[in-house]
Amino acid sequence: MKTGIYGILKARFLIDDDAIKNWRFIVFVILLAIIMIANTQRFEQKVFKIAELTSEVKELRSEFVDRRSQLMKLRMESTVSEKMIAKEIYPSTVPPVKIKVKKEAEKSFLKKIWH
């Protein structure tokens, strides 16, 4: 057992005659570790991007609500009438009247010919 641990500490398994298969396994493990690190980094980048986009969506939603409330205030009749008074345009005191247009009945083809 002492020679086994001593051989591992001296790294004899890397310089013996059958060291090629050990090196292949070590290179394979290193490549797997690099792939895992790269995968973890990409995952974290996506998590940060999702958090950034979520905060941007919240900000845009609050801006939308604010703009909509401003628009509702501007569309109110009292706001419009105040702005028109500044331009010396006053609201009408006479209510609007509905205009009805009567359609003439179409004459038949024979009546059109005789006239």
PDB file of N, CA and C in Angstrom:
ATOM      1  N   MET A   1       0.821  -1.188   0.000  1.00  0.00           N
ATOM      2  CA  MET A   1       0.000   0.000   0.000  1.00  0.00           C
ATOM      3  C   MET A   1       0.868   1.257   0.000  1.00  0.00           C
ATOM      4  N   LYS A   2       1.980   1.202   0.724  1.00  0.00           N
ATOM      5  CA  LYS A   2       2.873   2.353   0.792  1.00  0.00           C
ATOM      6  C   LYS A   2       3.443   2.683  -0.576  1.00  0.00           C
ATOM      7  N   THR A   3       3.767   1.667  -1.338  1.00  0.00           N
ATOM      8  CA  THR A   3       4.312   1.909  -2.672  1.00  0.00           C
ATOM      9  C   THR A   3       3.235   2.448  -3.600  1.00  0.00           C
ATOM     10  N   GLY A   4       1.959   2.051  -3.396  1.00  0.00           N
ATOM     11  CA  GLY A   4       0.854   2.551  -4.228  1.00  0.00           C
ATOM     12  C   GLY A   4       0.638   4.035  -4.017  1.00  0.00           C
ATOM     13  N   ILE A   5       0.590   4.460  -2.762  1.00  0.00           N
ATOM     14  CA  ILE A   5       0.403   5.889  -2.470  1.00  0.00           C
ATOM     15  C   ILE A   5       1.637   6.672  -2.885  1.00  0.00           C
ATOM     16  N   TYR A   6       2.797   6.090  -2.637  1.00  0.00           N
ATOM     17  CA  TYR A   6       4.044   6.747  -3.014  1.00  0.00           C
ATOM     18  C   TYR A   6       4.132   6.885  -4.534  1.00  0.00           C
ATOM     19  N   GLY A   7       3.669   5.883  -5.267  1.00  0.00           N
ATOM     20  CA  GLY A   7       3.656   5.926  -6.738  1.00  0.00           C
ATOM     21  C   GLY A   7       2.698   6.991  -7.252  1.00  0.00           C
ATOM     22  N   ILE A   8       1.541   7.151  -6.582  1.00  0.00           N
ATOM     23  CA  ILE A   8       0.575   8.188  -6.994  1.00  0.00           C
ATOM     24  C   ILE A   8       1.160   9.572  -6.723  1.00  0.00           C
ATOM     25  N   LEU A   9       1.808   9.724  -5.561  1.00  0.00           N
ATOM     26  CA  LEU A   9       2.406  11.026  -5.235  1.00  0.00           C
ATOM     27  C   LEU A   9       3.552  11.376  -6.195  1.00  0.00           C
ATOM     28  N   LYS A  10       4.308  10.391  -6.633  1.00  0.00           N
ATOM     29  CA  LYS A  10       5.399  10.630  -7.582  1.00  0.00           C
ATOM     30  C   LYS A  10       4.879  10.715  -9.020  1.00  0.00           C
ATOM     31  N   ALA A  11       3.572  10.425  -9.236  1.00  0.00           N
ATOM     32  CA  ALA A  11       2.915  10.452 -10.549  1.00  0.00           C
ATOM     33  C   ALA A  11       3.529   9.451 -11.500  1.00  0.00           C
ATOM     34  N   ARG A  12       3.803   8.260 -11.005  1.00  0.00           N
ATOM     35  CA  ARG A  12       4.377   7.214 -11.853  1.00  0.00           C
ATOM     36  C   ARG A  12       3.360   6.715 -12.877  1.00  0.00           C
ATOM     37  N   PHE A  13       2.061   6.864 -12.559  1.00  0.00           N
ATOM     38  CA  PHE A  13       1.037   6.403 -13.506  1.00  0.00           C
ATOM     39  C   PHE A  13       1.021   7.258 -14.768  1.00  0.00           C
ATOM     40  N   LEU A  14       1.706   8.406 -14.730  1.00  0.00           N
ATOM     41  CA  LEU A  14       1.761   9.266 -15.912  1.00  0.00           C
ATOM     42  C   LEU A  14       2.997   8.998 -16.773  1.00  0.00           C
ATOM     43  N   ILE A  15       4.003   8.312 -16.229  1.00  0.00           N
ATOM     44  CA  ILE A  15       5.233   8.102 -16.996  1.00  0.00           C
ATOM     45  C   ILE A  15       5.534   6.629 -17.253  1.00  0.00           C
ATOM     46  N   ASP A  16       4.678   5.743 -16.808  1.00  0.00           N
ATOM     47  CA  ASP A  16       4.881   4.303 -17.073  1.00  0.00           C
ATOM     48  C   ASP A  16       4.621   3.995 -18.543  1.00  0.00           C
ATOM     49  N   ASP A  17       4.807   2.714 -18.912  1.00  0.00           N
ATOM     50  CA  ASP A  17       4.623   2.290 -20.306  1.00  0.00           C
ATOM     51  C   ASP A  17       3.168   2.413 -20.755  1.00  0.00           C
ATOM     52  N   ASP A  18       2.207   2.154 -19.886  1.00  0.00           N
ATOM     53  CA  ASP A  18       0.789   2.233 -20.260  1.00  0.00           C
ATOM     54  C   ASP A  18       0.173   3.583 -19.851  1.00  0.00           C
ATOM     55  N   ALA A  19       0.988   4.623 -19.839  1.00  0.00           N
ATOM     56  CA  ALA A  19       0.538   5.956 -19.420  1.00  0.00           C
ATOM     57  C   ALA A  19      -0.376   6.619 -20.449  1.00  0.00           C
ATOM     58  N   ILE A  20      -0.347   6.152 -21.700  1.00  0.00           N
ATOM     59  CA  ILE A  20      -1.159   6.776 -22.760  1.00  0.00           C
ATOM     60  C   ILE A  20      -2.644   6.734 -22.400  1.00  0.00           C
ATOM     61  N   LYS A  21      -3.122   5.589 -21.960  1.00  0.00           N
ATOM     62  CA  LYS A  21      -4.551   5.513 -21.625  1.00  0.00           C
ATOM     63  C   LYS A  21      -4.875   6.370 -20.410  1.00  0.00           C
ATOM     64  N   ASN A  22      -3.969   6.535 -19.485  1.00  0.00           N
ATOM     65  CA  ASN A  22      -4.192   7.438 -18.350  1.00  0.00           C
ATOM     66  C   ASN A  22      -4.265   8.897 -18.811  1.00  0.00           C
ATOM     67  N   TRP A  23      -3.376   9.267 -19.730  1.00  0.00           N
ATOM     68  CA  TRP A  23      -3.394  10.643 -20.255  1.00  0.00           C
ATOM     69  C   TRP A  23      -4.698  10.924 -21.005  1.00  0.00           C
ATOM     70  N   ARG A  24      -5.150   9.921 -21.777  1.00  0.00           N
ATOM     71  CA  ARG A  24      -6.418  10.096 -22.503  1.00  0.00           C
ATOM     72  C   ARG A  24      -7.561  10.361 -21.528  1.00  0.00           C
ATOM     73  N   PHE A  25      -7.606   9.590 -20.465  1.00  0.00           N
ATOM     74  CA  PHE A  25      -8.671   9.773 -19.470  1.00  0.00           C
ATOM     75  C   PHE A  25      -8.564  11.148 -18.801  1.00  0.00           C
ATOM     76  N   ILE A  26      -7.347  11.580 -18.471  1.00  0.00           N
ATOM     77  CA  ILE A  26      -7.139  12.896 -17.838  1.00  0.00           C
ATOM     78  C   ILE A  26      -7.573  14.011 -18.780  1.00  0.00           C
ATOM     79  N   VAL A  27      -7.200  13.907 -20.060  1.00  0.00           N
ATOM     80  CA  VAL A  27      -7.610  14.923 -21.042  1.00  0.00           C
ATOM     81  C   VAL A  27      -9.132  14.928 -21.189  1.00  0.00           C
ATOM     82  N   PHE A  28      -9.756  13.757 -21.202  1.00  0.00           N
ATOM     83  CA  PHE A  28     -11.212  13.665 -21.288  1.00  0.00           C
ATOM     84  C   PHE A  28     -11.879  14.340 -20.091  1.00  0.00           C
ATOM     85  N   VAL A  29     -11.367  14.092 -18.894  1.00  0.00           N
ATOM     86  CA  VAL A  29     -11.932  14.706 -17.691  1.00  0.00           C
ATOM     87  C   VAL A  29     -11.744  16.226 -17.729  1.00  0.00           C
ATOM     88  N   ILE A  30     -10.590  16.689 -18.207  1.00  0.00           N
ATOM     89  CA  ILE A  30     -10.350  18.137 -18.307  1.00  0.00           C
ATOM     90  C   ILE A  30     -11.317  18.772 -19.309  1.00  0.00           C
ATOM     91  N   LEU A  31     -11.520  18.114 -20.449  1.00  0.00           N
ATOM     92  CA  LEU A  31     -12.474  18.650 -21.434  1.00  0.00           C
ATOM     93  C   LEU A  31     -13.895  18.692 -20.873  1.00  0.00           C
ATOM     94  N   LEU A  32     -14.291  17.657 -20.146  1.00  0.00           N
ATOM     95  CA  LEU A  32     -15.611  17.681 -19.520  1.00  0.00           C
ATOM     96  C   LEU A  32     -15.735  18.822 -18.514  1.00  0.00           C
ATOM     97  N   ALA A  33     -14.673  19.067 -17.743  1.00  0.00           N
ATOM     98  CA  ALA A  33     -14.699  20.163 -16.772  1.00  0.00           C
ATOM     99  C   ALA A  33     -14.818  21.512 -17.479  1.00  0.00           C
ATOM    100  N   ILE A  34     -14.103  21.693 -18.585  1.00  0.00           N
ATOM    101  CA  ILE A  34     -14.180  22.950 -19.343  1.00  0.00           C
ATOM    102  C   ILE A  34     -15.585  23.140 -19.908  1.00  0.00           C
ATOM    103  N   ILE A  35     -16.181  22.076 -20.435  1.00  0.00           N
ATOM    104  CA  ILE A  35     -17.542  22.170 -20.977  1.00  0.00           C
ATOM    105  C   ILE A  35     -18.537  22.515 -19.871  1.00  0.00           C
ATOM    106  N   MET A  36     -18.375  21.910 -18.712  1.00  0.00           N
ATOM    107  CA  MET A  36     -19.277  22.219 -17.597  1.00  0.00           C
ATOM    108  C   MET A  36     -19.138  23.667 -17.149  1.00  0.00           C
ATOM    109  N   ILE A  37     -17.912  24.170 -17.087  1.00  0.00           N
ATOM    110  CA  ILE A  37     -17.694  25.565 -16.686  1.00  0.00           C
ATOM    111  C   ILE A  37     -18.319  26.514 -17.707  1.00  0.00           C
ATOM    112  N   ALA A  38     -18.106  26.218 -19.003  1.00  0.00           N
ATOM    113  CA  ALA A  38     -18.684  27.077 -20.052  1.00  0.00           C
ATOM    114  C   ALA A  38     -20.208  27.044 -20.007  1.00  0.00           C
ATOM    115  N   ASN A  39     -20.785  25.878 -19.784  1.00  0.00           N
ATOM    116  CA  ASN A  39     -22.239  25.738 -19.710  1.00  0.00           C
ATOM    117  C   ASN A  39     -22.803  26.521 -18.521  1.00  0.00           C
ATOM    118  N   THR A  40     -22.128  26.433 -17.383  1.00  0.00           N
ATOM    119  CA  THR A  40     -22.567  27.176 -16.200  1.00  0.00           C
ATOM    120  C   THR A  40     -22.496  28.677 -16.441  1.00  0.00           C
ATOM    121  N   GLN A  41     -21.442  29.119 -17.109  1.00  0.00           N
ATOM    122  CA  GLN A  41     -21.304  30.554 -17.389  1.00  0.00           C
ATOM    123  C   GLN A  41     -22.413  31.037 -18.324  1.00  0.00           C
ATOM    124  N   ARG A  42     -22.734  30.274 -19.364  1.00  0.00           N
ATOM    125  CA  ARG A  42     -23.822  30.660 -20.278  1.00  0.00           C
ATOM    126  C   ARG A  42     -25.158  30.705 -19.542  1.00  0.00           C
ATOM    127  N   PHE A  43     -25.380  29.737 -18.648  1.00  0.00           N
ATOM    128  CA  PHE A  43     -26.614  29.718 -17.863  1.00  0.00           C
ATOM    129  C   PHE A  43     -26.722  30.971 -16.999  1.00  0.00           C
ATOM    130  N   GLU A  44     -25.630  31.351 -16.348  1.00  0.00           N
ATOM    131  CA  GLU A  44     -25.649  32.548 -15.499  1.00  0.00           C
ATOM    132  C   GLU A  44     -25.866  33.809 -16.327  1.00  0.00           C
ATOM    133  N   GLN A  45     -25.271  33.872 -17.523  1.00  0.00           N
ATOM    134  CA  GLN A  45     -25.505  35.023 -18.398  1.00  0.00           C
ATOM    135  C   GLN A  45     -26.973  35.130 -18.771  1.00  0.00           C
ATOM    136  N   LYS A  46     -27.611  34.010 -19.055  1.00  0.00           N
ATOM    137  CA  LYS A  46     -29.033  34.032 -19.405  1.00  0.00           C
ATOM    138  C   LYS A  46     -29.884  34.449 -18.211  1.00  0.00           C
ATOM    139  N   VAL A  47     -29.509  34.012 -17.007  1.00  0.00           N
ATOM    140  CA  VAL A  47     -30.249  34.406 -15.816  1.00  0.00           C
ATOM    141  C   VAL A  47     -30.152  35.913 -15.608  1.00  0.00           C
ATOM    142  N   PHE A  48     -28.948  36.474 -15.786  1.00  0.00           N
ATOM    143  CA  PHE A  48     -28.778  37.922 -15.648  1.00  0.00           C
ATOM    144  C   PHE A  48     -29.562  38.679 -16.715  1.00  0.00           C
ATOM    145  N   LYS A  49     -29.568  38.165 -17.942  1.00  0.00           N
ATOM    146  CA  LYS A  49     -30.315  38.815 -19.019  1.00  0.00           C
ATOM    147  C   LYS A  49     -31.810  38.786 -18.724  1.00  0.00           C
ATOM    148  N   ILE A  50     -32.314  37.660 -18.207  1.00  0.00           N
ATOM    149  CA  ILE A  50     -33.737  37.558 -17.869  1.00  0.00           C
ATOM    150  C   ILE A  50     -34.087  38.545 -16.765  1.00  0.00           C
ATOM    151  N   ALA A  51     -33.225  38.662 -15.755  1.00  0.00           N
ATOM    152  CA  ALA A  51     -33.483  39.618 -14.666  1.00  0.00           C
ATOM    153  C   ALA A  51     -33.479  41.046 -15.196  1.00  0.00           C
ATOM    154  N   GLU A  52     -32.554  41.353 -16.097  1.00  0.00           N
ATOM    155  CA  GLU A  52     -32.487  42.698 -16.681  1.00  0.00           C
ATOM    156  C   GLU A  52     -33.744  43.003 -17.494  1.00  0.00           C
ATOM    157  N   LEU A  53     -34.175  42.040 -18.315  1.00  0.00           N
ATOM    158  CA  LEU A  53     -35.371  42.248 -19.131  1.00  0.00           C
ATOM    159  C   LEU A  53     -36.631  42.355 -18.273  1.00  0.00           C
ATOM    160  N   THR A  54     -36.682  41.616 -17.184  1.00  0.00           N
ATOM    161  CA  THR A  54     -37.836  41.691 -16.288  1.00  0.00           C
ATOM    162  C   THR A  54     -37.940  43.075 -15.666  1.00  0.00           C
ATOM    163  N   SER A  55     -36.811  43.611 -15.235  1.00  0.00           N
ATOM    164  CA  SER A  55     -36.852  44.959 -14.652  1.00  0.00           C
ATOM    165  C   SER A  55     -37.215  45.999 -15.711  1.00  0.00           C
ATOM    166  N   GLU A  56     -36.750  45.794 -16.952  1.00  0.00           N
ATOM    167  CA  GLU A  56     -37.099  46.725 -18.026  1.00  0.00           C
ATOM    168  C   GLU A  56     -38.594  46.665 -18.337  1.00  0.00           C
ATOM    169  N   VAL A  57     -39.171  45.464 -18.317  1.00  0.00           N
ATOM    170  CA  VAL A  57     -40.606  45.321 -18.565  1.00  0.00           C
ATOM    171  C   VAL A  57     -41.405  46.025 -17.474  1.00  0.00           C
ATOM    172  N   LYS A  58     -40.987  45.878 -16.220  1.00  0.00           N
ATOM    173  CA  LYS A  58     -41.686  46.555 -15.123  1.00  0.00           C
ATOM    174  C   LYS A  58     -41.612  48.068 -15.297  1.00  0.00           C
ATOM    175  N   GLU A  59     -40.449  48.564 -15.688  1.00  0.00           N
ATOM    176  CA  GLU A  59     -40.283  50.002 -15.883  1.00  0.00           C
ATOM    177  C   GLU A  59     -41.162  50.504 -17.025  1.00  0.00           C
ATOM    178  N   LEU A  60     -41.180  49.766 -18.135  1.00  0.00           N
ATOM    179  CA  LEU A  60     -41.998  50.177 -19.278  1.00  0.00           C
ATOM    180  C   LEU A  60     -43.492  50.099 -18.955  1.00  0.00           C
ATOM    181  N   ARG A  61     -43.890  49.104 -18.171  1.00  0.00           N
ATOM    182  CA  ARG A  61     -45.292  48.990 -17.797  1.00  0.00           C
ATOM    183  C   ARG A  61     -45.719  50.172 -16.930  1.00  0.00           C
ATOM    184  N   SER A  62     -44.854  50.568 -15.985  1.00  0.00           N
ATOM    185  CA  SER A  62     -45.203  51.710 -15.138  1.00  0.00           C
ATOM    186  C   SER A  62     -45.243  52.993 -15.959  1.00  0.00           C
ATOM    187  N   GLU A  63     -44.339  53.126 -16.934  1.00  0.00           N
ATOM    188  CA  GLU A  63     -44.364  54.297 -17.815  1.00  0.00           C
ATOM    189  C   GLU A  63     -45.643  54.317 -18.645  1.00  0.00           C
ATOM    190  N   PHE A  64     -46.071  53.136 -19.119  1.00  0.00           N
ATOM    191  CA  PHE A  64     -47.310  53.048 -19.894  1.00  0.00           C
ATOM    192  C   PHE A  64     -48.506  53.493 -19.058  1.00  0.00           C
ATOM    193  N   VAL A  65     -48.586  53.029 -17.819  1.00  0.00           N
ATOM    194  CA  VAL A  65     -49.697  53.396 -16.946  1.00  0.00           C
ATOM    195  C   VAL A  65     -49.684  54.903 -16.692  1.00  0.00           C
ATOM    196  N   ASP A  66     -48.507  55.464 -16.487  1.00  0.00           N
ATOM    197  CA  ASP A  66     -48.385  56.902 -16.250  1.00  0.00           C
ATOM    198  C   ASP A  66     -48.851  57.695 -17.471  1.00  0.00           C
ATOM    199  N   ARG A  67     -48.399  57.288 -18.654  1.00  0.00           N
ATOM    200  CA  ARG A  67     -48.795  57.997 -19.884  1.00  0.00           C
ATOM    201  C   ARG A  67     -50.297  57.862 -20.146  1.00  0.00           C
ATOM    202  N   ARG A  68     -50.848  56.700 -19.844  1.00  0.00           N
ATOM    203  CA  ARG A  68     -52.284  56.508 -20.060  1.00  0.00           C
ATOM    204  C   ARG A  68     -53.091  57.411 -19.139  1.00  0.00           C
ATOM    205  N   SER A  69     -52.648  57.572 -17.894  1.00  0.00           N
ATOM    206  CA  SER A  69     -53.369  58.457 -16.971  1.00  0.00           C
ATOM    207  C   SER A  69     -53.252  59.914 -17.419  1.00  0.00           C
ATOM    208  N   GLN A  70     -52.075  60.290 -17.949  1.00  0.00           N
ATOM    209  CA  GLN A  70     -51.928  61.648 -18.476  1.00  0.00           C
ATOM    210  C   GLN A  70     -52.861  61.869 -19.665  1.00  0.00           C
ATOM    211  N   LEU A  71     -52.954  60.877 -20.531  1.00  0.00           N
ATOM    212  CA  LEU A  71     -53.837  60.996 -21.690  1.00  0.00           C
ATOM    213  C   LEU A  71     -55.297  61.118 -21.263  1.00  0.00           C
ATOM    214  N   MET A  72     -55.703  60.338 -20.289  1.00  0.00           N
ATOM    215  CA  MET A  72     -57.084  60.418 -19.804  1.00  0.00           C
ATOM    216  C   MET A  72     -57.370  61.804 -19.234  1.00  0.00           C
ATOM    217  N   LYS A  73     -56.395  62.372 -18.561  1.00  0.00           N
ATOM    218  CA  LYS A  73     -56.582  63.709 -18.006  1.00  0.00           C
ATOM    219  C   LYS A  73     -56.692  64.746 -19.125  1.00  0.00           C
ATOM    220  N   LEU A  74     -55.875  64.611 -20.162  1.00  0.00           N
ATOM    221  CA  LEU A  74     -55.920  65.555 -21.276  1.00  0.00           C
ATOM    222  C   LEU A  74     -57.215  65.442 -22.080  1.00  0.00           C
ATOM    223  N   ARG A  75     -57.813  64.264 -22.112  1.00  0.00           N
ATOM    224  CA  ARG A  75     -59.037  64.071 -22.884  1.00  0.00           C
ATOM    225  C   ARG A  75     -60.286  64.530 -22.154  1.00  0.00           C
ATOM    226  N   MET A  76     -60.163  64.850 -20.894  1.00  0.00           N
ATOM    227  CA  MET A  76     -61.349  65.282 -20.147  1.00  0.00           C
ATOM    228  C   MET A  76     -61.871  66.599 -20.718  1.00  0.00           C
ATOM    229  N   GLU A  77     -63.180  66.754 -20.695  1.00  0.00           N
ATOM    230  CA  GLU A  77     -63.815  67.940 -21.274  1.00  0.00           C
ATOM    231  C   GLU A  77     -63.374  69.212 -20.567  1.00  0.00           C
ATOM    232  N   SER A  78     -63.205  69.163 -19.261  1.00  0.00           N
ATOM    233  CA  SER A  78     -62.798  70.365 -18.527  1.00  0.00           C
ATOM    234  C   SER A  78     -61.403  70.818 -18.951  1.00  0.00           C
ATOM    235  N   THR A  79     -60.480  69.876 -19.173  1.00  0.00           N
ATOM    236  CA  THR A  79     -59.129  70.246 -19.600  1.00  0.00           C
ATOM    237  C   THR A  79     -59.152  70.847 -20.989  1.00  0.00           C
ATOM    238  N   VAL A  80     -59.931  70.243 -21.879  1.00  0.00           N
ATOM    239  CA  VAL A  80     -60.019  70.753 -23.247  1.00  0.00           C
ATOM    240  C   VAL A  80     -60.642  72.146 -23.247  1.00  0.00           C
ATOM    241  N   SER A  81     -61.701  72.358 -22.469  1.00  0.00           N
ATOM    242  CA  SER A  81     -62.350  73.677 -22.448  1.00  0.00           C
ATOM    243  C   SER A  81     -61.416  74.736 -21.860  1.00  0.00           C
ATOM    244  N   GLU A  82     -60.597  74.387 -20.862  1.00  0.00           N
ATOM    245  CA  GLU A  82     -59.640  75.356 -20.318  1.00  0.00           C
ATOM    246  C   GLU A  82     -58.626  75.774 -21.376  1.00  0.00           C
ATOM    247  N   LYS A  83     -58.153  74.822 -22.165  1.00  0.00           N
ATOM    248  CA  LYS A  83     -57.179  75.144 -23.208  1.00  0.00           C
ATOM    249  C   LYS A  83     -57.822  75.975 -24.322  1.00  0.00           C
ATOM    250  N   MET A  84     -59.085  75.728 -24.606  1.00  0.00           N
ATOM    251  CA  MET A  84     -59.761  76.498 -25.647  1.00  0.00           C
ATOM    252  C   MET A  84     -60.069  77.917 -25.177  1.00  0.00           C
ATOM    253  N   ILE A  85     -60.346  78.099 -23.893  1.00  0.00           N
ATOM    254  CA  ILE A  85     -60.580  79.450 -23.360  1.00  0.00           C
ATOM    255  C   ILE A  85     -59.317  80.287 -23.495  1.00  0.00           C
ATOM    256  N   ALA A  86     -58.160  79.673 -23.323  1.00  0.00           N
ATOM    257  CA  ALA A  86     -56.904  80.394 -23.497  1.00  0.00           C
ATOM    258  C   ALA A  86     -56.749  80.880 -24.936  1.00  0.00           C
ATOM    259  N   LYS A  87     -57.344  80.158 -25.894  1.00  0.00           N
ATOM    260  CA  LYS A  87     -57.297  80.568 -27.305  1.00  0.00           C
ATOM    261  C   LYS A  87     -58.536  81.357 -27.705  1.00  0.00           C
ATOM    262  N   GLU A  88     -59.343  81.729 -26.710  1.00  0.00           N
ATOM    263  CA  GLU A  88     -60.564  82.508 -26.897  1.00  0.00           C
ATOM    264  C   GLU A  88     -61.607  81.765 -27.734  1.00  0.00           C
ATOM    265  N   ILE A  89     -61.702  80.480 -27.529  1.00  0.00           N
ATOM    266  CA  ILE A  89     -62.750  79.669 -28.133  1.00  0.00           C
ATOM    267  C   ILE A  89     -63.586  79.155 -26.967  1.00  0.00           C
ATOM    268  N   TYR A  90     -64.856  79.519 -26.970  1.00  0.00           N
ATOM    269  CA  TYR A  90     -65.705  79.188 -25.825  1.00  0.00           C
ATOM    270  C   TYR A  90     -66.675  78.080 -26.186  1.00  0.00           C
ATOM    271  N   PRO A  91     -67.090  77.303 -25.206  1.00  0.00           N
ATOM    272  CA  PRO A  91     -68.063  76.236 -25.499  1.00  0.00           C
ATOM    273  C   PRO A  91     -69.415  76.827 -25.878  1.00  0.00           C
ATOM    274  N   SER A  92     -70.145  76.115 -26.695  1.00  0.00           N
ATOM    275  CA  SER A  92     -71.440  76.574 -27.185  1.00  0.00           C
ATOM    276  C   SER A  92     -72.479  76.507 -26.060  1.00  0.00           C
ATOM    277  N   THR A  93     -73.332  77.522 -26.035  1.00  0.00           N
ATOM    278  CA  THR A  93     -74.419  77.523 -25.053  1.00  0.00           C
ATOM    279  C   THR A  93     -75.674  76.895 -25.646  1.00  0.00           C
ATOM    280  N   VAL A  94     -75.735  76.778 -26.973  1.00  0.00           N
ATOM    281  CA  VAL A  94     -76.881  76.189 -27.657  1.00  0.00           C
ATOM    282  C   VAL A  94     -76.569  74.713 -27.909  1.00  0.00           C
ATOM    283  N   PRO A  95     -77.473  73.831 -27.512  1.00  0.00           N
ATOM    284  CA  PRO A  95     -77.202  72.400 -27.748  1.00  0.00           C
ATOM    285  C   PRO A  95     -77.221  72.082 -29.244  1.00  0.00           C
ATOM    286  N   PRO A  96     -76.546  71.066 -29.655  1.00  0.00           N
ATOM    287  CA  PRO A  96     -76.502  70.720 -31.076  1.00  0.00           C
ATOM    288  C   PRO A  96     -77.860  70.198 -31.560  1.00  0.00           C
ATOM    289  N   VAL A  97     -78.103  70.403 -32.843  1.00  0.00           N
ATOM    290  CA  VAL A  97     -79.357  69.966 -33.451  1.00  0.00           C
ATOM    291  C   VAL A  97     -79.021  68.899 -34.476  1.00  0.00           C
ATOM    292  N   LYS A  98     -79.812  67.844 -34.463  1.00  0.00           N
ATOM    293  CA  LYS A  98     -79.590  66.763 -35.405  1.00  0.00           C
ATOM    294  C   LYS A  98     -80.242  67.116 -36.734  1.00  0.00           C
ATOM    295  N   ILE A  99     -79.498  67.005 -37.806  1.00  0.00           N
ATOM    296  CA  ILE A  99     -79.999  67.313 -39.140  1.00  0.00           C
ATOM    297  C   ILE A  99     -80.419  66.011 -39.796  1.00  0.00           C
ATOM    298  N   LYS A 100     -81.667  65.991 -40.272  1.00  0.00           N
ATOM    299  CA  LYS A 100     -82.171  64.799 -40.943  1.00  0.00           C
ATOM    300  C   LYS A 100     -82.334  65.110 -42.421  1.00  0.00           C
ATOM    301  N   VAL A 101     -81.808  64.271 -43.255  1.00  0.00           N
ATOM    302  CA  VAL A 101     -81.915  64.427 -44.700  1.00  0.00           C
ATOM    303  C   VAL A 101     -82.905  63.388 -45.194  1.00  0.00           C
ATOM    304  N   LYS A 102     -83.940  63.865 -45.866  1.00  0.00           N
ATOM    305  CA  LYS A 102     -84.939  62.947 -46.387  1.00  0.00           C
ATOM    306  C   LYS A 102     -84.543  62.543 -47.799  1.00  0.00           C
ATOM    307  N   LYS A 103     -84.646  61.278 -48.010  1.00  0.00           N
ATOM    308  CA  LYS A 103     -84.274  60.732 -49.301  1.00  0.00           C
ATOM    309  C   LYS A 103     -85.497  60.735 -50.207  1.00  0.00           C
ATOM    310  N   GLU A 104     -85.323  61.203 -51.419  1.00  0.00           N
ATOM    311  CA  GLU A 104     -86.438  61.185 -52.362  1.00  0.00           C
ATOM    312  C   GLU A 104     -86.657  59.759 -52.832  1.00  0.00           C
ATOM    313  N   ALA A 105     -87.926  59.401 -52.945  1.00  0.00           N
ATOM    314  CA  ALA A 105     -88.239  58.066 -53.451  1.00  0.00           C
ATOM    315  C   ALA A 105     -87.871  58.012 -54.920  1.00  0.00           C
ATOM    316  N   GLU A 106     -87.232  56.933 -55.276  1.00  0.00           N
ATOM    317  CA  GLU A 106     -86.822  56.818 -56.673  1.00  0.00           C
ATOM    318  C   GLU A 106     -88.029  56.553 -57.563  1.00  0.00           C
ATOM    319  N   LYS A 107     -88.019  57.226 -58.688  1.00  0.00           N
ATOM    320  CA  LYS A 107     -89.109  57.035 -59.648  1.00  0.00           C
ATOM    321  C   LYS A 107     -88.840  55.773 -60.443  1.00  0.00           C
ATOM    322  N   SER A 108     -89.909  55.164 -60.858  1.00  0.00           N
ATOM    323  CA  SER A 108     -89.736  53.950 -61.653  1.00  0.00           C
ATOM    324  C   SER A 108     -89.173  54.327 -63.023  1.00  0.00           C
ATOM    325  N   PHE A 109     -88.765  53.338 -63.740  1.00  0.00           N
ATOM    326  CA  PHE A 109     -88.140  53.554 -65.033  1.00  0.00           C
ATOM    327  C   PHE A 109     -89.100  54.216 -66.021  1.00  0.00           C
ATOM    328  N   LEU A 110     -90.356  53.822 -65.983  1.00  0.00           N
ATOM    329  CA  LEU A 110     -91.330  54.400 -66.920  1.00  0.00           C
ATOM    330  C   LEU A 110     -91.609  55.864 -66.596  1.00  0.00           C
ATOM    331  N   LYS A 111     -91.642  56.208 -65.288  1.00  0.00           N
ATOM    332  CA  LYS A 111     -91.886  57.601 -64.929  1.00  0.00           C
ATOM    333  C   LYS A 111     -90.727  58.486 -65.332  1.00  0.00           C
ATOM    334  N   LYS A 112     -89.534  57.953 -65.302  1.00  0.00           N
ATOM    335  CA  LYS A 112     -88.361  58.729 -65.718  1.00  0.00           C
ATOM    336  C   LYS A 112     -88.404  59.004 -67.218  1.00  0.00           C
ATOM    337  N   ILE A 113     -88.873  58.047 -67.950  1.00  0.00           N
ATOM    338  CA  ILE A 113     -88.910  58.208 -69.408  1.00  0.00           C
ATOM    339  C   ILE A 113     -89.933  59.271 -69.809  1.00  0.00           C
ATOM    340  N   TRP A 114     -91.122  59.298 -69.160  1.00  0.00           N
ATOM    341  CA  TRP A 114     -92.205  60.223 -69.524  1.00  0.00           C
ATOM    342  C   TRP A 114     -91.875  61.643 -69.109  1.00  0.00           C
ATOM    343  N   HIS A 115     -90.946  61.858 -68.207  1.00  0.00           N
ATOM    344  CA  HIS A 115     -90.661  63.227 -67.771  1.00  0.00           C
ATOM    345  C   HIS A 115     -89.547  63.816 -68.486  1.00  0.00           C
TER     346      HIS A 115
END
